[in-house]
Amino acid sequence: MGSALSVPLSEQLDSFRDIMEQSDRESQMEDIDRLIACVKSIQVDLEDTMDEVGYLLEQLQSIKNPSMKAKLSRMQEDMREGLLRAGDQIKAVEKAVAEGIQNAINSLKKKESRLWTRS
């Protein structure tokens, strides 16, 4: 799980920000920036939690009781799998945001093109 937004989304966001500023839509851009910040925060939190689950696995190695060790190992693996699923979901959110931004850019460019052809 990467904590930084993917490069294409970052580039799209810069382009979209320029278009939104030119269209006097700063408030909508602020909403999108908050959404992006939330996605980044979740990615960082997931990475931190995965690190903690990895540390938990290391600590399990010192447990002597085999049945307790097995039970805790299963719990650790369940946590890890849940975090991986959450990571996949946040990647899907990032992809949907990127697609939405690209669609908005394309739509705004089409509208701008139509305005130029009518003039």
N, C-alpha and C. Protein backbone atom coordinates (compact mmCIF):
# COMPACT_ATOMS: atom_id res chain seq x y z
N MET A 1 0.84 -1.18 0.00
CA MET A 1 0.00 0.00 0.00
C MET A 1 0.88 1.24 0.00
N GLY A 2 0.75 2.08 -1.00
CA GLY A 2 1.54 3.30 -1.04
C GLY A 2 0.80 4.43 -0.38
N SER A 3 1.52 5.26 0.37
CA SER A 3 0.85 6.35 1.07
C SER A 3 0.67 7.57 0.18
N ALA A 4 1.41 7.67 -0.88
CA ALA A 4 1.28 8.81 -1.77
C ALA A 4 0.28 8.47 -2.86
N LEU A 5 -0.39 9.49 -3.33
CA LEU A 5 -1.30 9.27 -4.43
C LEU A 5 -0.51 8.85 -5.65
N SER A 6 -1.13 8.06 -6.49
CA SER A 6 -0.44 7.62 -7.69
C SER A 6 -0.11 8.83 -8.57
N VAL A 7 0.94 8.71 -9.34
CA VAL A 7 1.40 9.82 -10.18
C VAL A 7 0.32 10.29 -11.14
N PRO A 8 -0.40 9.38 -11.84
CA PRO A 8 -1.44 9.88 -12.75
C PRO A 8 -2.50 10.71 -12.02
N LEU A 9 -2.90 10.30 -10.82
CA LEU A 9 -3.89 11.07 -10.08
C LEU A 9 -3.32 12.42 -9.68
N SER A 10 -2.09 12.43 -9.27
CA SER A 10 -1.45 13.68 -8.89
C SER A 10 -1.41 14.66 -10.07
N GLU A 11 -1.05 14.16 -11.24
CA GLU A 11 -1.02 14.99 -12.45
C GLU A 11 -2.43 15.45 -12.83
N GLN A 12 -3.39 14.54 -12.75
CA GLN A 12 -4.77 14.90 -13.06
C GLN A 12 -5.26 15.97 -12.10
N LEU A 13 -4.91 15.82 -10.84
CA LEU A 13 -5.35 16.76 -9.82
C LEU A 13 -4.79 18.15 -10.09
N ASP A 14 -3.53 18.23 -10.49
CA ASP A 14 -2.94 19.53 -10.82
C ASP A 14 -3.67 20.17 -12.00
N SER A 15 -3.93 19.38 -13.03
CA SER A 15 -4.63 19.88 -14.21
C SER A 15 -6.05 20.31 -13.83
N PHE A 16 -6.71 19.49 -13.05
CA PHE A 16 -8.08 19.77 -12.63
C PHE A 16 -8.12 21.04 -11.77
N ARG A 17 -7.15 21.17 -10.87
CA ARG A 17 -7.09 22.35 -10.00
C ARG A 17 -6.98 23.63 -10.86
N ASP A 18 -6.14 23.58 -11.89
CA ASP A 18 -5.99 24.74 -12.78
C ASP A 18 -7.32 25.08 -13.45
N ILE A 19 -7.99 24.06 -13.96
CA ILE A 19 -9.27 24.27 -14.64
C ILE A 19 -10.30 24.84 -13.66
N MET A 20 -10.36 24.28 -12.46
CA MET A 20 -11.33 24.74 -11.47
C MET A 20 -11.06 26.19 -11.06
N GLU A 21 -9.81 26.55 -10.91
CA GLU A 21 -9.47 27.92 -10.55
C GLU A 21 -9.87 28.88 -11.67
N GLN A 22 -9.66 28.48 -12.91
CA GLN A 22 -10.03 29.32 -14.04
C GLN A 22 -11.55 29.47 -14.15
N SER A 23 -12.27 28.49 -13.62
CA SER A 23 -13.73 28.50 -13.69
C SER A 23 -14.36 29.07 -12.42
N ASP A 24 -13.55 29.64 -11.55
CA ASP A 24 -14.03 30.18 -10.27
C ASP A 24 -14.81 29.15 -9.46
N ARG A 25 -14.26 27.95 -9.37
CA ARG A 25 -14.90 26.87 -8.61
C ARG A 25 -13.99 26.39 -7.49
N GLU A 26 -13.41 27.34 -6.77
CA GLU A 26 -12.46 26.99 -5.72
C GLU A 26 -13.10 26.17 -4.60
N SER A 27 -14.39 26.45 -4.29
CA SER A 27 -15.02 25.71 -3.19
C SER A 27 -15.17 24.23 -3.53
N GLN A 28 -15.50 23.93 -4.78
CA GLN A 28 -15.59 22.52 -5.18
C GLN A 28 -14.21 21.87 -5.13
N MET A 29 -13.19 22.64 -5.49
CA MET A 29 -11.82 22.10 -5.45
C MET A 29 -11.41 21.83 -4.02
N GLU A 30 -11.83 22.68 -3.10
CA GLU A 30 -11.53 22.46 -1.68
C GLU A 30 -12.16 21.15 -1.20
N ASP A 31 -13.38 20.86 -1.65
CA ASP A 31 -14.04 19.60 -1.29
C ASP A 31 -13.24 18.41 -1.81
N ILE A 32 -12.78 18.51 -3.03
CA ILE A 32 -12.00 17.43 -3.62
C ILE A 32 -10.66 17.28 -2.88
N ASP A 33 -10.05 18.40 -2.54
CA ASP A 33 -8.79 18.35 -1.78
C ASP A 33 -9.00 17.66 -0.43
N ARG A 34 -10.13 17.93 0.22
CA ARG A 34 -10.41 17.26 1.50
C ARG A 34 -10.60 15.76 1.31
N LEU A 35 -11.26 15.38 0.24
CA LEU A 35 -11.44 13.95 -0.07
C LEU A 35 -10.09 13.28 -0.30
N ILE A 36 -9.24 13.93 -1.08
CA ILE A 36 -7.90 13.38 -1.36
C ILE A 36 -7.10 13.27 -0.07
N ALA A 37 -7.18 14.28 0.80
CA ALA A 37 -6.46 14.25 2.08
C ALA A 37 -6.96 13.08 2.94
N CYS A 38 -8.25 12.84 2.89
CA CYS A 38 -8.83 11.72 3.65
C CYS A 38 -8.30 10.39 3.13
N VAL A 39 -8.25 10.23 1.82
CA VAL A 39 -7.73 9.00 1.21
C VAL A 39 -6.27 8.80 1.62
N LYS A 40 -5.48 9.86 1.54
CA LYS A 40 -4.06 9.77 1.93
C LYS A 40 -3.94 9.36 3.40
N SER A 41 -4.75 9.96 4.25
CA SER A 41 -4.70 9.66 5.68
C SER A 41 -5.04 8.19 5.95
N ILE A 42 -6.04 7.70 5.27
CA ILE A 42 -6.42 6.29 5.43
C ILE A 42 -5.29 5.38 4.97
N GLN A 43 -4.65 5.74 3.86
CA GLN A 43 -3.53 4.93 3.36
C GLN A 43 -2.40 4.88 4.39
N VAL A 44 -2.07 6.02 4.97
CA VAL A 44 -1.01 6.07 5.98
C VAL A 44 -1.41 5.24 7.21
N ASP A 45 -2.65 5.39 7.65
CA ASP A 45 -3.12 4.63 8.81
C ASP A 45 -3.06 3.13 8.55
N LEU A 46 -3.44 2.72 7.35
CA LEU A 46 -3.38 1.29 7.01
C LEU A 46 -1.95 0.78 7.01
N GLU A 47 -1.04 1.57 6.47
CA GLU A 47 0.37 1.17 6.48
C GLU A 47 0.89 1.03 7.91
N ASP A 48 0.56 2.00 8.75
CA ASP A 48 0.99 1.95 10.16
C ASP A 48 0.42 0.71 10.86
N THR A 49 -0.84 0.42 10.59
CA THR A 49 -1.47 -0.74 11.22
C THR A 49 -0.85 -2.03 10.72
N MET A 50 -0.53 -2.10 9.43
CA MET A 50 0.14 -3.29 8.90
C MET A 50 1.50 -3.48 9.58
N ASP A 51 2.21 -2.40 9.82
CA ASP A 51 3.48 -2.49 10.54
C ASP A 51 3.27 -3.07 11.94
N GLU A 52 2.23 -2.60 12.60
CA GLU A 52 1.93 -3.09 13.95
C GLU A 52 1.55 -4.57 13.94
N VAL A 53 0.81 -4.99 12.94
CA VAL A 53 0.44 -6.41 12.82
C VAL A 53 1.69 -7.25 12.56
N GLY A 54 2.61 -6.72 11.78
CA GLY A 54 3.89 -7.41 11.56
C GLY A 54 4.67 -7.55 12.85
N TYR A 55 4.68 -6.49 13.66
CA TYR A 55 5.35 -6.53 14.96
C TYR A 55 4.68 -7.57 15.86
N LEU A 56 3.36 -7.64 15.80
CA LEU A 56 2.62 -8.62 16.59
C LEU A 56 3.06 -10.03 16.22
N LEU A 57 3.24 -10.28 14.95
CA LEU A 57 3.69 -11.60 14.49
C LEU A 57 5.05 -11.93 15.08
N GLU A 58 5.94 -10.95 15.09
CA GLU A 58 7.27 -11.17 15.69
C GLU A 58 7.13 -11.54 17.17
N GLN A 59 6.25 -10.87 17.87
CA GLN A 59 6.06 -11.12 19.29
C GLN A 59 5.44 -12.50 19.56
N LEU A 60 4.63 -12.97 18.64
CA LEU A 60 4.01 -14.28 18.80
C LEU A 60 5.03 -15.41 18.83
N GLN A 61 6.17 -15.19 18.21
CA GLN A 61 7.20 -16.23 18.15
C GLN A 61 7.71 -16.61 19.54
N SER A 62 7.60 -15.70 20.48
CA SER A 62 8.12 -15.98 21.83
C SER A 62 7.13 -16.73 22.72
N ILE A 63 5.90 -16.92 22.26
CA ILE A 63 4.89 -17.63 23.05
C ILE A 63 5.21 -19.12 23.04
N LYS A 64 5.22 -19.73 24.21
CA LYS A 64 5.59 -21.15 24.36
C LYS A 64 4.39 -22.09 24.17
N ASN A 65 3.22 -21.69 24.64
CA ASN A 65 2.03 -22.52 24.57
C ASN A 65 1.59 -22.67 23.10
N PRO A 66 1.67 -23.90 22.55
CA PRO A 66 1.36 -24.10 21.13
C PRO A 66 -0.08 -23.75 20.75
N SER A 67 -1.05 -24.10 21.60
CA SER A 67 -2.44 -23.81 21.24
C SER A 67 -2.71 -22.30 21.30
N MET A 68 -2.15 -21.62 22.29
CA MET A 68 -2.30 -20.17 22.39
C MET A 68 -1.60 -19.48 21.21
N LYS A 69 -0.43 -19.97 20.88
CA LYS A 69 0.34 -19.41 19.77
C LYS A 69 -0.44 -19.58 18.46
N ALA A 70 -1.02 -20.75 18.25
CA ALA A 70 -1.79 -21.02 17.03
C ALA A 70 -3.02 -20.12 16.95
N LYS A 71 -3.72 -19.97 18.08
CA LYS A 71 -4.92 -19.13 18.12
C LYS A 71 -4.57 -17.67 17.82
N LEU A 72 -3.53 -17.17 18.46
CA LEU A 72 -3.12 -15.78 18.23
C LEU A 72 -2.58 -15.58 16.82
N SER A 73 -1.92 -16.59 16.29
CA SER A 73 -1.42 -16.50 14.91
C SER A 73 -2.58 -16.40 13.92
N ARG A 74 -3.64 -17.18 14.17
CA ARG A 74 -4.83 -17.10 13.30
C ARG A 74 -5.47 -15.72 13.39
N MET A 75 -5.54 -15.18 14.60
CA MET A 75 -6.11 -13.84 14.79
C MET A 75 -5.27 -12.80 14.05
N GLN A 76 -3.95 -12.94 14.15
CA GLN A 76 -3.05 -12.00 13.47
C GLN A 76 -3.24 -12.09 11.96
N GLU A 77 -3.37 -13.30 11.45
CA GLU A 77 -3.56 -13.48 10.01
C GLU A 77 -4.91 -12.90 9.56
N ASP A 78 -5.95 -13.08 10.37
CA ASP A 78 -7.26 -12.49 10.06
C ASP A 78 -7.17 -10.97 10.00
N MET A 79 -6.45 -10.38 10.95
CA MET A 79 -6.26 -8.93 10.94
C MET A 79 -5.53 -8.49 9.67
N ARG A 80 -4.49 -9.21 9.34
CA ARG A 80 -3.70 -8.86 8.16
C ARG A 80 -4.55 -8.93 6.90
N GLU A 81 -5.35 -9.98 6.77
CA GLU A 81 -6.21 -10.13 5.60
C GLU A 81 -7.24 -9.01 5.54
N GLY A 82 -7.80 -8.65 6.68
CA GLY A 82 -8.75 -7.54 6.73
C GLY A 82 -8.12 -6.22 6.30
N LEU A 83 -6.89 -6.00 6.74
CA LEU A 83 -6.18 -4.78 6.36
C LEU A 83 -5.86 -4.77 4.86
N LEU A 84 -5.51 -5.93 4.33
CA LEU A 84 -5.25 -6.01 2.89
C LEU A 84 -6.52 -5.72 2.08
N ARG A 85 -7.66 -6.23 2.56
CA ARG A 85 -8.94 -5.94 1.89
C ARG A 85 -9.24 -4.44 1.97
N ALA A 86 -9.01 -3.85 3.13
CA ALA A 86 -9.23 -2.41 3.29
C ALA A 86 -8.31 -1.63 2.35
N GLY A 87 -7.07 -2.09 2.21
CA GLY A 87 -6.14 -1.45 1.29
C GLY A 87 -6.63 -1.53 -0.15
N ASP A 88 -7.17 -2.68 -0.52
CA ASP A 88 -7.73 -2.83 -1.87
C ASP A 88 -8.92 -1.89 -2.08
N GLN A 89 -9.73 -1.74 -1.04
CA GLN A 89 -10.89 -0.85 -1.14
C GLN A 89 -10.46 0.61 -1.28
N ILE A 90 -9.45 1.02 -0.53
CA ILE A 90 -9.01 2.41 -0.62
C ILE A 90 -8.35 2.65 -1.98
N LYS A 91 -7.69 1.63 -2.54
CA LYS A 91 -7.14 1.77 -3.90
C LYS A 91 -8.29 1.95 -4.90
N ALA A 92 -9.39 1.23 -4.69
CA ALA A 92 -10.55 1.37 -5.58
C ALA A 92 -11.14 2.77 -5.46
N VAL A 93 -11.16 3.31 -4.24
CA VAL A 93 -11.65 4.68 -4.05
C VAL A 93 -10.74 5.66 -4.79
N GLU A 94 -9.44 5.47 -4.65
CA GLU A 94 -8.49 6.35 -5.34
C GLU A 94 -8.70 6.27 -6.85
N LYS A 95 -8.91 5.08 -7.36
CA LYS A 95 -9.14 4.90 -8.80
C LYS A 95 -10.42 5.60 -9.22
N ALA A 96 -11.47 5.47 -8.42
CA ALA A 96 -12.75 6.11 -8.75
C ALA A 96 -12.61 7.63 -8.73
N VAL A 97 -11.85 8.16 -7.77
CA VAL A 97 -11.61 9.61 -7.71
C VAL A 97 -10.85 10.04 -8.97
N ALA A 98 -9.82 9.29 -9.33
CA ALA A 98 -9.04 9.62 -10.52
C ALA A 98 -9.91 9.61 -11.77
N GLU A 99 -10.76 8.59 -11.89
CA GLU A 99 -11.66 8.51 -13.05
C GLU A 99 -12.65 9.67 -13.06
N GLY A 100 -13.17 10.01 -11.88
CA GLY A 100 -14.10 11.14 -11.78
C GLY A 100 -13.44 12.45 -12.18
N ILE A 101 -12.21 12.64 -11.72
CA ILE A 101 -11.48 13.85 -12.09
C ILE A 101 -11.22 13.88 -13.58
N GLN A 102 -10.80 12.75 -14.14
CA GLN A 102 -10.54 12.70 -15.59
C GLN A 102 -11.82 12.96 -16.37
N ASN A 103 -12.92 12.40 -15.95
CA ASN A 103 -14.20 12.64 -16.63
C ASN A 103 -14.58 14.11 -16.56
N ALA A 104 -14.37 14.74 -15.40
CA ALA A 104 -14.68 16.16 -15.24
C ALA A 104 -13.78 17.01 -16.13
N ILE A 105 -12.50 16.66 -16.20
CA ILE A 105 -11.57 17.38 -17.08
C ILE A 105 -12.03 17.28 -18.53
N ASN A 106 -12.36 16.07 -18.95
CA ASN A 106 -12.81 15.86 -20.33
C ASN A 106 -14.09 16.64 -20.62
N SER A 107 -15.01 16.63 -19.69
CA SER A 107 -16.27 17.35 -19.86
C SER A 107 -16.04 18.86 -19.95
N LEU A 108 -15.19 19.38 -19.06
CA LEU A 108 -14.90 20.81 -19.08
C LEU A 108 -14.18 21.21 -20.37
N LYS A 109 -13.29 20.35 -20.84
CA LYS A 109 -12.59 20.65 -22.10
C LYS A 109 -13.56 20.64 -23.28
N LYS A 110 -14.52 19.71 -23.28
CA LYS A 110 -15.51 19.68 -24.35
C LYS A 110 -16.36 20.94 -24.35
N LYS A 111 -16.78 21.35 -23.15
CA LYS A 111 -17.58 22.57 -23.05
C LYS A 111 -16.78 23.77 -23.53
N GLU A 112 -15.51 23.83 -23.14
CA GLU A 112 -14.66 24.94 -23.55
C GLU A 112 -14.47 24.93 -25.06
N SER A 113 -14.29 23.74 -25.63
CA SER A 113 -14.13 23.62 -27.07
C SER A 113 -15.38 24.09 -27.80
N ARG A 114 -16.55 23.73 -27.29
CA ARG A 114 -17.82 24.16 -27.92
C ARG A 114 -17.96 25.68 -27.86
N LEU A 115 -17.54 26.25 -26.76
CA LEU A 115 -17.63 27.72 -26.64
C LEU A 115 -16.74 28.40 -27.67
N TRP A 116 -15.54 27.85 -27.90
CA TRP A 116 -14.63 28.43 -28.87
C TRP A 116 -15.15 28.28 -30.30
N THR A 117 -15.80 27.15 -30.59
CA THR A 117 -16.30 26.93 -31.95
C THR A 117 -17.53 27.80 -32.23
N ARG A 118 -18.27 28.19 -31.21
CA ARG A 118 -19.45 29.05 -31.40
C ARG A 118 -19.06 30.51 -31.59
N SER A 119 -17.90 30.86 -31.10
CA SER A 119 -17.49 32.28 -31.18
C SER A 119 -17.08 32.70 -32.54
